[in-house]
Amino acid sequence: MNTVKVKVDPNGSAVFNNNVDYCVGTGRLGLALTQEYLKELEYVQKMIGFSYIRGHGLFSDDVSIYHEYKENDEIKVEYNYTYIDRIFDAYLRLNIRPYLELGFMPGQLASGTQTIFYWKGNTTPPKDYGKWTDMVIALLEHLKVRYGEEVTGWPIEVWNEPNLPGFWFKADMEEYFKLFKETFNAIKKYDSRFKVGGPAICGVRDAEWTKAFLEFCKKEGIKPDRITRHHYTVEFPERIGHYDYSKLEDQDFRFANLQSTRDIVDSYEEFKGTPIHLTEFSTSYTPKGVIHDTNLNAAYLARQLAGLGDVNEAYSYWTFGDVFEEQGVPDSLFHGGFGMVAAGNIPKPTFWTFYFFKQLKLFGQDCVYRDDTAVIVKNGSGYAGILWNIDGDELTKEITLPVAGDGEYTLITKTVDEVCCNPLKLWHDMGEPAYPTAEETELIRSAAQPRVESTIVEKKGGNADISVLLRKNAVVYFTLKKRVFTPDRGYDYEKVLSFH
């Protein structure tokens, strides 16, 4: 077995911006009207607790905001907020706020009939930009009346992936820039406190679109509050039956691509330092990407979460749960869905990667060590860290941590790997039941928990030496804290274990 040694410098420090809990993605907003969706979101919020949630379909017909009718031979407009109030009320009850993605186009306001997805979101420009901006401002006014001034802090993004012809008719760059300008100016005129971002592009021609967008904004005297883009890390998938199989891209290459966007933005004096939001990120970009359900996904994303904050103010995982219908209703329990939680509130290995990074944030932001396979922070009580082993041979990581004071320390590890936290394998071994019973679901959920272990560590020469096993595709969270021993009178742990 390989052994990797790490010695943490007593005066060491490392850059680590941990914004893991800022935002998370969701399927179309209309899904929030369903029971299973809310059960999964409640679980995610209880365990991790994201600040914002971003999804498509705010203005799509299933949410039913925009309506035209004829009166005295005149076309008039009215708005219906019944469903969006129900959706946003549910979000706020779960202590999460919407990241307002402005799209897609209501059918009656659309200039064409092009749609995307099983649920037919219209992806054409408005036939009347005045009616579009009136609808946007009317919604913001309604939200302020219902929820108060806090809504001015809810982030806004104009559209989704306009550089793809499926999401924006003909991927018409100039038409999108018009949409952004009209929307941005209308919002700022209404209330300049709202923060508005774009162009919400994915990886296709990303540098070209980013430069052209900034040139347009410079020419028009517009200063976006955020630059938004997406970040996926697989090659083009192979479709077999219902499912997509993809090869992961090199992590250094993907980080370099993110840096290139930062460099482009900073090359303009007018926009230098403008925050960048990754309003979607994941490994595979399809809702049937089988990698999403695996331990490999969890380990790969550990390094992503350790580094995404280097050049991005925010990054939003796509998505929190498997209630999702872009390519139709899921065919089976484990189907490669985007969610970190499967149906029945079964946490996938990736869920625990996010949970561990949230625990690390709660522990402390003073990072003392970071490399491509580890990040370690400290606070007044000791250390916490996350270690991962991406698709490699089993290894032991031996870490030397400087500690103050005499006595003992308690090491606690929580391990997620293919042996101890692998619900996908149990489901497979059970025969891959597409629609498991309540009993089967509970059994699979029981196999989806980290393994918790502990040991007592003695201080030696001013250090505490710990040893952590990392199997293939493992993610391990550890804490090392000063042990306070308070035994009751007459209680002898060793005697308990040997008593017979």
Protein backbone atom coordinates (compact mmCIF):
# COMPACT_ATOMS: atom_id res chain seq x y z
CA MET A 1 0.00 0.00 0.00
CA ASN A 2 1.25 3.47 -0.86
CA THR A 3 1.92 5.94 1.92
CA VAL A 4 1.79 9.69 1.43
CA LYS A 5 3.30 11.91 4.12
CA VAL A 6 2.18 15.48 4.79
CA LYS A 7 3.72 17.81 7.34
CA VAL A 8 1.77 20.94 8.15
CA ASP A 9 3.91 24.01 8.84
CA PRO A 10 3.08 25.62 12.22
CA ASN A 11 3.02 28.98 10.40
CA GLY A 12 1.57 27.68 7.18
CA SER A 13 -1.33 29.22 5.30
CA ALA A 14 -3.06 28.55 2.00
CA VAL A 15 -5.67 30.23 -0.17
CA PHE A 16 -9.05 28.56 0.23
CA ASN A 17 -12.31 30.38 -0.41
CA ASN A 18 -15.07 28.04 0.68
CA ASN A 19 -18.42 29.21 -0.73
CA VAL A 20 -19.91 25.73 -0.95
CA ASP A 21 -23.27 26.78 0.50
CA TYR A 22 -23.97 29.94 -1.50
CA CYS A 23 -26.29 28.46 -4.13
CA VAL A 24 -27.58 25.15 -5.48
CA GLY A 25 -29.41 24.29 -8.67
CA THR A 26 -32.84 22.78 -9.23
CA GLY A 27 -34.96 21.49 -12.04
CA ARG A 28 -37.65 23.80 -13.39
CA LEU A 29 -39.33 25.83 -10.67
CA GLY A 30 -42.72 24.21 -11.30
CA LEU A 31 -41.38 20.98 -9.79
CA ALA A 32 -41.41 22.71 -6.40
CA LEU A 33 -45.17 22.13 -6.40
CA THR A 34 -44.56 18.39 -5.84
CA GLN A 35 -44.19 16.56 -2.55
CA GLU A 36 -41.06 14.53 -3.35
CA TYR A 37 -39.21 17.65 -4.50
CA LEU A 38 -39.89 19.45 -1.23
CA LYS A 39 -38.93 16.40 0.84
CA GLU A 40 -35.55 16.24 -0.90
CA LEU A 41 -34.98 19.99 -0.56
CA GLU A 42 -35.92 19.91 3.12
CA TYR A 43 -33.34 17.17 3.73
CA VAL A 44 -30.63 19.05 1.83
CA GLN A 45 -31.38 22.26 3.70
CA LYS A 46 -31.36 20.52 7.07
CA MET A 47 -28.01 18.86 6.38
CA ILE A 48 -26.19 21.50 4.32
CA GLY A 49 -28.23 24.70 4.18
CA PHE A 50 -27.76 26.66 0.96
CA SER A 51 -28.53 30.38 0.78
CA TYR A 52 -29.94 30.48 -2.76
CA ILE A 53 -31.54 28.15 -5.29
CA ARG A 54 -31.50 28.63 -9.08
CA GLY A 55 -33.67 26.90 -11.65
CA HIS A 56 -35.22 27.36 -15.08
CA GLY A 57 -38.79 28.17 -16.00
CA LEU A 58 -39.65 31.22 -13.91
CA PHE A 59 -41.73 32.60 -16.79
CA SER A 60 -42.61 29.30 -18.46
CA ASP A 61 -46.27 28.49 -18.97
CA ASP A 62 -46.47 25.85 -16.23
CA VAL A 63 -45.81 28.59 -13.63
CA SER A 64 -48.48 30.63 -15.41
CA ILE A 65 -47.42 34.21 -14.67
CA TYR A 66 -48.06 35.90 -18.06
CA HIS A 67 -51.47 36.05 -19.73
CA GLU A 68 -52.83 38.00 -22.69
CA TYR A 69 -56.54 38.50 -23.33
CA LYS A 70 -58.66 40.54 -25.72
CA GLU A 71 -61.06 43.20 -24.50
CA ASN A 72 -62.89 45.59 -26.84
CA ASP A 73 -60.61 44.43 -29.68
CA GLU A 74 -57.55 45.40 -27.64
CA ILE A 75 -54.88 42.95 -26.44
CA LYS A 76 -54.32 43.38 -22.73
CA VAL A 77 -51.97 41.72 -20.25
CA GLU A 78 -52.52 40.36 -16.74
CA TYR A 79 -50.28 38.46 -14.33
CA ASN A 80 -51.00 35.48 -12.11
CA TYR A 81 -48.71 34.85 -9.13
CA THR A 82 -50.58 31.91 -7.56
CA TYR A 83 -47.94 29.29 -8.33
CA ILE A 84 -44.82 31.43 -7.96
CA ASP A 85 -46.01 32.55 -4.51
CA ARG A 86 -46.56 28.93 -3.52
CA ILE A 87 -43.08 28.00 -4.77
CA PHE A 88 -41.24 30.91 -3.17
CA ASP A 89 -43.20 30.56 0.08
CA ALA A 90 -41.98 26.96 0.27
CA TYR A 91 -38.40 28.06 -0.39
CA LEU A 92 -38.46 30.65 2.36
CA ARG A 93 -39.95 28.16 4.81
CA LEU A 94 -36.88 26.03 4.12
CA ASN A 95 -34.60 29.06 4.59
CA ILE A 96 -33.49 29.31 0.98
CA ARG A 97 -34.00 32.22 -1.43
CA PRO A 98 -34.40 32.21 -5.20
CA TYR A 99 -31.57 33.13 -7.53
CA LEU A 100 -33.81 34.63 -10.18
CA GLU A 101 -32.99 33.27 -13.62
CA LEU A 102 -35.17 35.28 -16.01
CA GLY A 103 -36.54 32.74 -18.49
CA PHE A 104 -37.98 31.08 -20.40
CA MET A 105 -40.48 32.91 -22.63
CA PRO A 106 -44.23 32.71 -21.97
CA GLY A 107 -45.93 31.22 -25.02
CA GLN A 108 -48.16 34.26 -25.55
CA LEU A 109 -45.18 36.62 -25.42
CA ALA A 110 -42.85 34.49 -27.57
CA SER A 111 -41.82 35.47 -31.08
CA GLY A 112 -41.60 31.82 -32.16
CA THR A 113 -42.52 28.26 -31.29
CA GLN A 114 -39.08 26.75 -30.55
CA THR A 115 -39.06 24.89 -27.25
CA ILE A 116 -36.62 22.79 -25.27
CA PHE A 117 -36.99 19.81 -22.95
CA TYR A 118 -39.79 17.42 -22.14
CA TRP A 119 -41.66 20.28 -20.49
CA LYS A 120 -41.35 22.55 -23.56
CA GLY A 121 -39.77 25.74 -22.31
CA ASN A 122 -40.00 28.35 -25.06
CA THR A 123 -36.55 29.64 -26.06
CA THR A 124 -37.35 32.44 -28.50
CA PRO A 125 -37.02 36.19 -27.93
CA PRO A 126 -40.05 38.22 -26.88
CA LYS A 127 -42.29 39.56 -29.64
CA ASP A 128 -42.47 42.80 -27.65
CA TYR A 129 -39.56 43.88 -25.45
CA GLY A 130 -41.72 46.40 -23.64
CA LYS A 131 -44.11 43.67 -22.53
CA TRP A 132 -41.12 41.54 -21.48
CA THR A 133 -39.61 44.23 -19.26
CA ASP A 134 -43.06 45.16 -17.92
CA MET A 135 -43.49 41.52 -16.85
CA VAL A 136 -40.07 41.44 -15.18
CA ILE A 137 -40.63 44.65 -13.24
CA ALA A 138 -44.17 43.68 -12.26
CA LEU A 139 -42.81 40.46 -10.76
CA LEU A 140 -40.11 42.32 -8.80
CA GLU A 141 -42.74 44.74 -7.51
CA HIS A 142 -44.94 41.84 -6.44
CA LEU A 143 -42.06 40.10 -4.68
CA LYS A 144 -41.16 43.26 -2.77
CA VAL A 145 -44.75 43.66 -1.59
CA ARG A 146 -44.94 40.01 -0.52
CA TYR A 147 -41.49 39.47 0.98
CA GLY A 148 -40.21 42.94 1.76
CA GLU A 149 -37.03 44.79 0.90
CA GLU A 150 -34.92 41.66 1.26
CA VAL A 151 -35.76 40.74 -2.33
CA THR A 152 -33.43 43.47 -3.57
CA GLY A 153 -30.63 41.16 -2.42
CA TRP A 154 -31.87 38.19 -4.45
CA PRO A 155 -29.45 37.69 -7.39
CA ILE A 156 -30.77 38.04 -10.94
CA GLU A 157 -29.47 36.40 -14.12
CA VAL A 158 -30.75 37.18 -17.59
CA TRP A 159 -31.63 33.94 -19.43
CA ASN A 160 -29.76 30.63 -19.59
CA GLU A 161 -27.06 29.50 -22.04
CA PRO A 162 -27.91 31.81 -24.96
CA ASN A 163 -24.78 30.59 -26.76
CA LEU A 164 -26.60 27.31 -27.47
CA PRO A 165 -29.25 27.38 -30.23
CA GLY A 166 -31.52 25.10 -28.23
CA PHE A 167 -31.68 27.58 -25.35
CA TRP A 168 -31.81 30.78 -27.45
CA PHE A 169 -33.15 30.80 -30.99
CA LYS A 170 -30.22 30.43 -33.43
CA ALA A 171 -27.86 31.34 -30.55
CA ASP A 172 -28.28 34.89 -31.81
CA MET A 173 -25.65 36.88 -29.95
CA GLU A 174 -26.90 40.35 -30.88
CA GLU A 175 -30.48 39.45 -29.97
CA TYR A 176 -29.33 38.21 -26.57
CA PHE A 177 -27.37 41.40 -25.99
CA LYS A 178 -30.56 43.34 -26.74
CA LEU A 179 -32.45 41.20 -24.21
CA PHE A 180 -29.77 41.84 -21.61
CA LYS A 181 -29.64 45.58 -22.22
CA GLU A 182 -33.41 46.08 -22.11
CA THR A 183 -33.75 43.91 -19.00
CA PHE A 184 -30.75 45.37 -17.16
CA ASN A 185 -31.76 48.97 -17.79
CA ALA A 186 -35.39 48.36 -16.81
CA ILE A 187 -34.40 46.70 -13.52
CA LYS A 188 -31.85 49.36 -12.62
CA LYS A 189 -34.34 52.12 -13.41
CA TYR A 190 -36.90 50.43 -11.14
CA ASP A 191 -34.48 49.77 -8.25
CA SER A 192 -30.73 50.01 -8.67
CA ARG A 193 -30.14 47.82 -5.63
CA PHE A 194 -30.93 44.66 -7.61
CA LYS A 195 -27.79 42.86 -8.81
CA VAL A 196 -28.08 41.71 -12.42
CA GLY A 197 -25.71 39.33 -14.20
CA GLY A 198 -25.11 37.56 -17.51
CA PRO A 199 -24.42 36.21 -20.10
CA ALA A 200 -25.06 32.80 -18.46
CA ILE A 201 -23.10 30.92 -21.11
CA CYS A 202 -21.93 27.31 -21.16
CA GLY A 203 -18.61 26.11 -22.56
CA VAL A 204 -19.30 26.57 -26.28
CA ARG A 205 -17.34 29.55 -27.69
CA ASP A 206 -17.12 30.83 -24.13
CA ALA A 207 -14.16 33.16 -24.67
CA GLU A 208 -15.74 34.64 -27.82
CA TRP A 209 -19.06 35.24 -26.07
CA THR A 210 -17.47 36.68 -22.92
CA LYS A 211 -15.36 39.16 -24.91
CA ALA A 212 -18.26 40.16 -27.16
CA PHE A 213 -20.56 40.60 -24.16
CA LEU A 214 -18.07 42.85 -22.37
CA GLU A 215 -17.45 44.87 -25.54
CA PHE A 216 -21.20 45.37 -25.90
CA CYS A 217 -21.58 46.43 -22.27
CA LYS A 218 -18.64 48.81 -22.61
CA LYS A 219 -20.16 50.38 -25.72
CA GLU A 220 -23.60 50.74 -24.08
CA GLY A 221 -22.25 52.02 -20.75
CA ILE A 222 -23.59 48.98 -18.87
CA LYS A 223 -21.76 47.53 -15.87
CA PRO A 224 -23.04 44.02 -15.03
CA ASP A 225 -22.99 43.27 -11.32
CA ARG A 226 -21.77 39.74 -12.04
CA ILE A 227 -20.43 37.78 -14.96
CA THR A 228 -22.15 34.40 -15.06
CA ARG A 229 -21.15 31.20 -16.81
CA HIS A 230 -21.40 27.42 -16.46
CA HIS A 231 -18.79 24.77 -15.79
CA TYR A 232 -19.02 21.08 -16.74
CA THR A 233 -16.08 18.70 -16.78
CA VAL A 234 -16.70 15.78 -19.16
CA GLU A 235 -16.12 15.04 -22.79
CA PHE A 236 -19.01 14.44 -25.21
CA PRO A 237 -20.98 11.45 -23.91
CA GLU A 238 -21.77 8.09 -25.48
CA ARG A 239 -25.51 7.32 -25.34
CA ILE A 240 -26.40 3.67 -24.63
CA GLY A 241 -30.10 3.02 -24.17
CA HIS A 242 -31.38 5.65 -21.76
CA TYR A 243 -27.94 6.53 -20.38
CA ASP A 244 -24.93 8.75 -21.09
CA TYR A 245 -21.37 7.59 -20.44
CA SER A 246 -18.72 10.31 -20.32
CA LYS A 247 -14.98 10.55 -19.70
CA LEU A 248 -13.89 13.12 -17.13
CA GLU A 249 -11.67 15.93 -18.31
CA ASP A 250 -8.34 16.81 -16.71
CA GLN A 251 -8.93 18.99 -13.66
CA ASP A 252 -6.01 21.34 -14.39
CA PHE A 253 -7.43 21.96 -17.86
CA ARG A 254 -10.83 22.80 -16.42
CA PHE A 255 -9.38 25.18 -13.82
CA ALA A 256 -7.34 26.86 -16.57
CA ASN A 257 -10.56 27.44 -18.49
CA LEU A 258 -12.09 29.18 -15.46
CA GLN A 259 -8.96 31.28 -15.07
CA SER A 260 -9.25 32.34 -18.70
CA THR A 261 -12.66 33.88 -18.01
CA ARG A 262 -11.25 35.72 -15.01
CA ASP A 263 -8.39 36.99 -17.17
CA ILE A 264 -10.75 38.21 -19.91
CA VAL A 265 -12.92 40.10 -17.43
CA ASP A 266 -9.91 41.65 -15.72
CA SER A 267 -8.42 42.75 -19.05
CA TYR A 268 -11.11 45.45 -19.21
CA GLU A 269 -10.50 48.36 -16.86
CA GLU A 270 -14.25 48.96 -16.66
CA PHE A 271 -14.98 45.41 -15.48
CA LYS A 272 -11.82 44.43 -13.62
CA GLY A 273 -12.68 42.59 -10.41
CA THR A 274 -16.34 42.01 -11.34
CA PRO A 275 -17.46 38.88 -9.48
CA ILE A 276 -17.89 35.70 -11.51
CA HIS A 277 -20.73 33.32 -10.63
CA LEU A 278 -20.77 29.75 -11.88
CA THR A 279 -24.54 29.46 -11.89
CA GLU A 280 -24.27 25.80 -12.91
CA PHE A 281 -21.49 23.29 -12.41
CA SER A 282 -21.18 19.53 -12.29
CA THR A 283 -19.29 16.73 -13.98
CA SER A 284 -21.66 15.46 -16.71
CA TYR A 285 -24.02 17.96 -18.33
CA THR A 286 -26.83 15.47 -18.99
CA PRO A 287 -29.55 14.32 -16.55
CA LYS A 288 -28.74 10.73 -17.49
CA GLY A 289 -25.03 10.99 -16.86
CA VAL A 290 -24.34 7.79 -14.96
CA ILE A 291 -21.22 9.23 -13.30
CA HIS A 292 -23.42 11.40 -11.05
CA ASP A 293 -24.38 8.42 -8.87
CA THR A 294 -20.83 7.21 -8.24
CA ASN A 295 -18.10 7.57 -5.65
CA LEU A 296 -15.80 8.76 -8.43
CA ASN A 297 -18.08 11.78 -8.86
CA ALA A 298 -17.77 12.56 -5.15
CA ALA A 299 -13.98 12.33 -5.16
CA TYR A 300 -13.57 14.35 -8.36
CA LEU A 301 -15.80 17.11 -7.03
CA ALA A 302 -13.81 17.33 -3.80
CA ARG A 303 -10.94 18.88 -5.70
CA GLN A 304 -13.38 21.09 -7.60
CA LEU A 305 -14.86 22.44 -4.37
CA ALA A 306 -11.38 23.04 -2.98
CA GLY A 307 -10.47 25.21 -5.96
CA LEU A 308 -13.59 26.80 -7.44
CA GLY A 309 -13.41 29.71 -5.02
CA ASP A 310 -10.01 30.78 -6.35
CA VAL A 311 -11.44 32.87 -9.19
CA ASN A 312 -15.20 32.58 -8.71
CA GLU A 313 -17.21 34.34 -6.03
CA ALA A 314 -20.00 31.75 -6.25
CA TYR A 315 -20.60 28.29 -7.70
CA SER A 316 -23.91 26.46 -7.81
CA TYR A 317 -24.07 22.66 -8.13
CA TRP A 318 -26.57 21.40 -10.67
CA THR A 319 -28.71 20.07 -8.84
CA PHE A 320 -29.77 19.33 -5.25
CA GLY A 321 -32.20 16.48 -6.08
CA ASP A 322 -33.30 13.96 -8.69
CA VAL A 323 -36.82 15.35 -9.23
CA PHE A 324 -35.95 16.54 -12.72
CA GLU A 325 -37.63 16.24 -16.11
CA GLU A 326 -35.52 17.77 -18.88
CA GLN A 327 -35.41 14.48 -20.79
CA GLY A 328 -38.60 13.08 -19.32
CA VAL A 329 -39.61 11.48 -16.05
CA PRO A 330 -36.71 9.35 -14.69
CA ASP A 331 -36.94 5.67 -15.62
CA SER A 332 -35.30 4.22 -12.51
CA LEU A 333 -34.04 5.02 -9.02
CA PHE A 334 -30.40 5.43 -10.05
CA HIS A 335 -30.51 6.90 -13.54
CA GLY A 336 -27.55 9.29 -13.60
CA GLY A 337 -29.66 12.20 -12.40
CA PHE A 338 -28.02 15.51 -11.59
CA GLY A 339 -29.15 15.44 -7.96
CA MET A 340 -26.93 14.93 -4.95
CA VAL A 341 -29.97 13.21 -3.41
CA ALA A 342 -31.91 10.38 -5.07
CA ALA A 343 -35.61 9.65 -4.65
CA GLY A 344 -36.57 8.59 -1.15
CA ASN A 345 -33.98 11.00 0.30
CA ILE A 346 -31.12 8.63 -0.46
CA PRO A 347 -27.92 10.71 -0.31
CA LYS A 348 -25.48 9.90 -3.10
CA PRO A 349 -21.74 9.94 -2.32
CA THR A 350 -21.52 13.44 -3.82
CA PHE A 351 -23.96 14.71 -1.18
CA TRP A 352 -21.39 13.93 1.50
CA THR A 353 -18.66 15.83 -0.36
CA PHE A 354 -20.83 18.94 -0.12
CA TYR A 355 -21.78 18.18 3.47
CA PHE A 356 -18.11 17.79 4.43
CA PHE A 357 -17.16 21.10 2.83
CA LYS A 358 -20.01 22.80 4.69
CA GLN A 359 -18.76 21.27 7.95
CA LEU A 360 -15.28 22.53 7.10
CA LYS A 361 -16.68 26.03 6.62
CA LEU A 362 -18.46 25.88 9.98
CA PHE A 363 -15.28 24.66 11.65
CA GLY A 364 -13.13 27.57 10.47
CA GLN A 365 -11.79 29.53 7.51
CA ASP A 366 -8.12 29.59 8.57
CA CYS A 367 -6.61 27.27 5.94
CA VAL A 368 -3.20 25.90 6.87
CA TYR A 369 -2.69 23.41 4.05
CA ARG A 370 -4.07 22.69 0.59
CA ASP A 371 -2.92 20.59 -2.35
CA ASP A 372 -4.60 18.60 -5.13
CA THR A 373 -5.80 15.90 -2.70
CA ALA A 374 -6.37 17.69 0.61
CA VAL A 375 -7.48 20.83 2.38
CA ILE A 376 -6.94 21.43 6.10
CA VAL A 377 -8.19 24.27 8.30
CA LYS A 378 -7.76 25.07 11.97
CA ASN A 379 -9.49 26.93 14.77
CA GLY A 380 -8.91 27.32 18.48
CA SER A 381 -9.99 23.75 19.22
CA GLY A 382 -7.86 21.94 16.65
CA TYR A 383 -7.96 20.92 13.00
CA ALA A 384 -10.44 19.74 10.39
CA GLY A 385 -9.75 18.57 6.89
CA ILE A 386 -10.96 16.79 3.80
CA LEU A 387 -8.86 14.21 1.98
CA TRP A 388 -9.70 12.51 -1.31
CA ASN A 389 -8.30 9.85 -3.62
CA ILE A 390 -9.53 10.20 -7.19
CA ASP A 391 -9.71 6.82 -8.92
CA GLY A 392 -6.30 5.79 -7.56
CA ASP A 393 -4.85 2.83 -5.70
CA GLU A 394 -5.56 2.48 -2.00
CA LEU A 395 -3.20 4.59 0.09
CA THR A 396 -2.54 5.78 3.61
CA LYS A 397 -2.05 9.47 4.26
CA GLU A 398 0.14 10.24 7.27
CA ILE A 399 -0.25 13.83 8.42
CA THR A 400 1.83 15.66 11.02
CA LEU A 401 -0.08 18.49 12.68
CA PRO A 402 1.53 20.95 15.11
CA VAL A 403 -0.37 21.12 18.42
CA ALA A 404 0.00 23.16 21.58
CA GLY A 405 -0.22 21.87 25.11
CA ASP A 406 0.25 18.41 26.54
CA GLY A 407 -2.19 15.55 26.64
CA GLU A 408 -4.28 13.57 24.22
CA TYR A 409 -6.22 14.42 21.08
CA THR A 410 -9.27 12.75 19.53
CA LEU A 411 -9.20 11.94 15.83
CA ILE A 412 -12.61 11.37 14.23
CA THR A 413 -12.92 10.35 10.59
CA LYS A 414 -16.00 10.13 8.38
CA THR A 415 -15.33 8.05 5.28
CA VAL A 416 -17.24 7.84 2.00
CA ASP A 417 -15.87 5.31 -0.46
CA GLU A 418 -16.91 2.36 -2.60
CA VAL A 419 -16.77 -0.04 0.36
CA CYS A 420 -18.59 1.75 3.17
CA CYS A 421 -20.88 4.30 1.47
CA ASN A 422 -22.00 3.03 -1.90
CA PRO A 423 -25.80 2.88 -2.33
CA LEU A 424 -25.37 2.37 -6.07
CA LYS A 425 -23.62 -0.98 -5.52
CA LEU A 426 -26.26 -2.25 -3.09
CA TRP A 427 -29.01 -1.25 -5.53
CA HIS A 428 -27.17 -3.09 -8.30
CA ASP A 429 -26.61 -6.20 -6.16
CA MET A 430 -30.32 -6.19 -5.26
CA GLY A 431 -31.18 -6.48 -8.95
CA GLU A 432 -31.49 -2.77 -9.81
CA PRO A 433 -35.14 -2.35 -8.79
CA ALA A 434 -36.40 0.59 -10.84
CA TYR A 435 -39.16 1.41 -8.36
CA PRO A 436 -38.01 0.12 -4.96
CA THR A 437 -40.51 -0.53 -2.21
CA ALA A 438 -40.44 1.45 1.02
CA GLU A 439 -38.51 -1.39 2.67
CA GLU A 440 -35.99 -1.56 -0.18
CA THR A 441 -35.57 2.21 -0.15
CA GLU A 442 -34.83 2.18 3.58
CA LEU A 443 -32.23 -0.57 3.07
CA ILE A 444 -30.51 1.38 0.27
CA ARG A 445 -30.57 4.55 2.38
CA SER A 446 -28.85 2.66 5.20
CA ALA A 447 -25.95 1.93 2.81
CA ALA A 448 -25.59 5.63 2.00
CA GLN A 449 -24.03 6.82 5.26
CA PRO A 450 -20.36 7.60 5.98
CA ARG A 451 -18.36 5.25 8.16
CA VAL A 452 -17.44 7.01 11.42
CA GLU A 453 -14.28 5.95 13.27
CA SER A 454 -12.27 7.40 16.15
CA THR A 455 -8.91 7.02 17.83
CA ILE A 456 -6.86 8.70 20.55
CA VAL A 457 -3.68 10.45 19.39
CA GLU A 458 -0.75 11.27 21.70
CA LYS A 459 1.23 14.47 21.28
CA LYS A 460 4.87 13.81 20.41
CA GLY A 461 7.52 16.50 20.06
CA GLY A 462 5.00 19.27 19.62
CA ASN A 463 3.04 17.38 16.95
CA ALA A 464 0.14 15.00 16.59
CA ASP A 465 0.63 12.36 13.91
CA ILE A 466 -2.50 10.95 12.30
CA SER A 467 -2.98 8.21 9.75
CA VAL A 468 -5.99 8.05 7.40
CA LEU A 469 -6.85 5.23 4.98
CA LEU A 470 -8.03 6.36 1.54
CA ARG A 471 -9.42 3.65 -0.66
CA LYS A 472 -10.18 4.16 -4.34
CA ASN A 473 -12.54 7.12 -4.90
CA ALA A 474 -12.62 7.99 -1.21
CA VAL A 475 -13.55 11.27 0.42
CA VAL A 476 -12.70 11.52 4.12
CA TYR A 477 -13.57 14.30 6.55
CA PHE A 478 -11.54 14.41 9.77
CA THR A 479 -11.31 16.45 12.93
CA LEU A 480 -8.52 16.47 15.47
CA LYS A 481 -9.40 18.11 18.78
CA LYS A 482 -7.99 18.24 22.26
CA ARG A 483 -9.41 15.33 24.29
CA VAL A 484 -11.11 16.29 27.53
CA PHE A 485 -11.36 13.12 29.62
CA THR A 486 -14.17 13.20 32.22
CA PRO A 487 -14.82 9.61 33.42
CA ASP A 488 -17.49 8.88 36.00
CA ARG A 489 -16.44 7.42 39.36
CA GLY A 490 -15.63 3.75 38.98
CA TYR A 491 -15.98 3.65 35.19
CA ASP A 492 -13.04 1.86 33.51
CA TYR A 493 -13.41 1.55 29.74
CA GLU A 494 -10.64 -1.03 29.35
CA LYS A 495 -12.09 -3.13 32.14
CA VAL A 496 -15.53 -2.90 30.51
CA LEU A 497 -14.10 -4.35 27.29
CA SER A 498 -12.27 -7.17 29.06
CA PHE A 499 -14.93 -7.96 31.67
CA HIS A 500 -16.52 -11.41 31.48
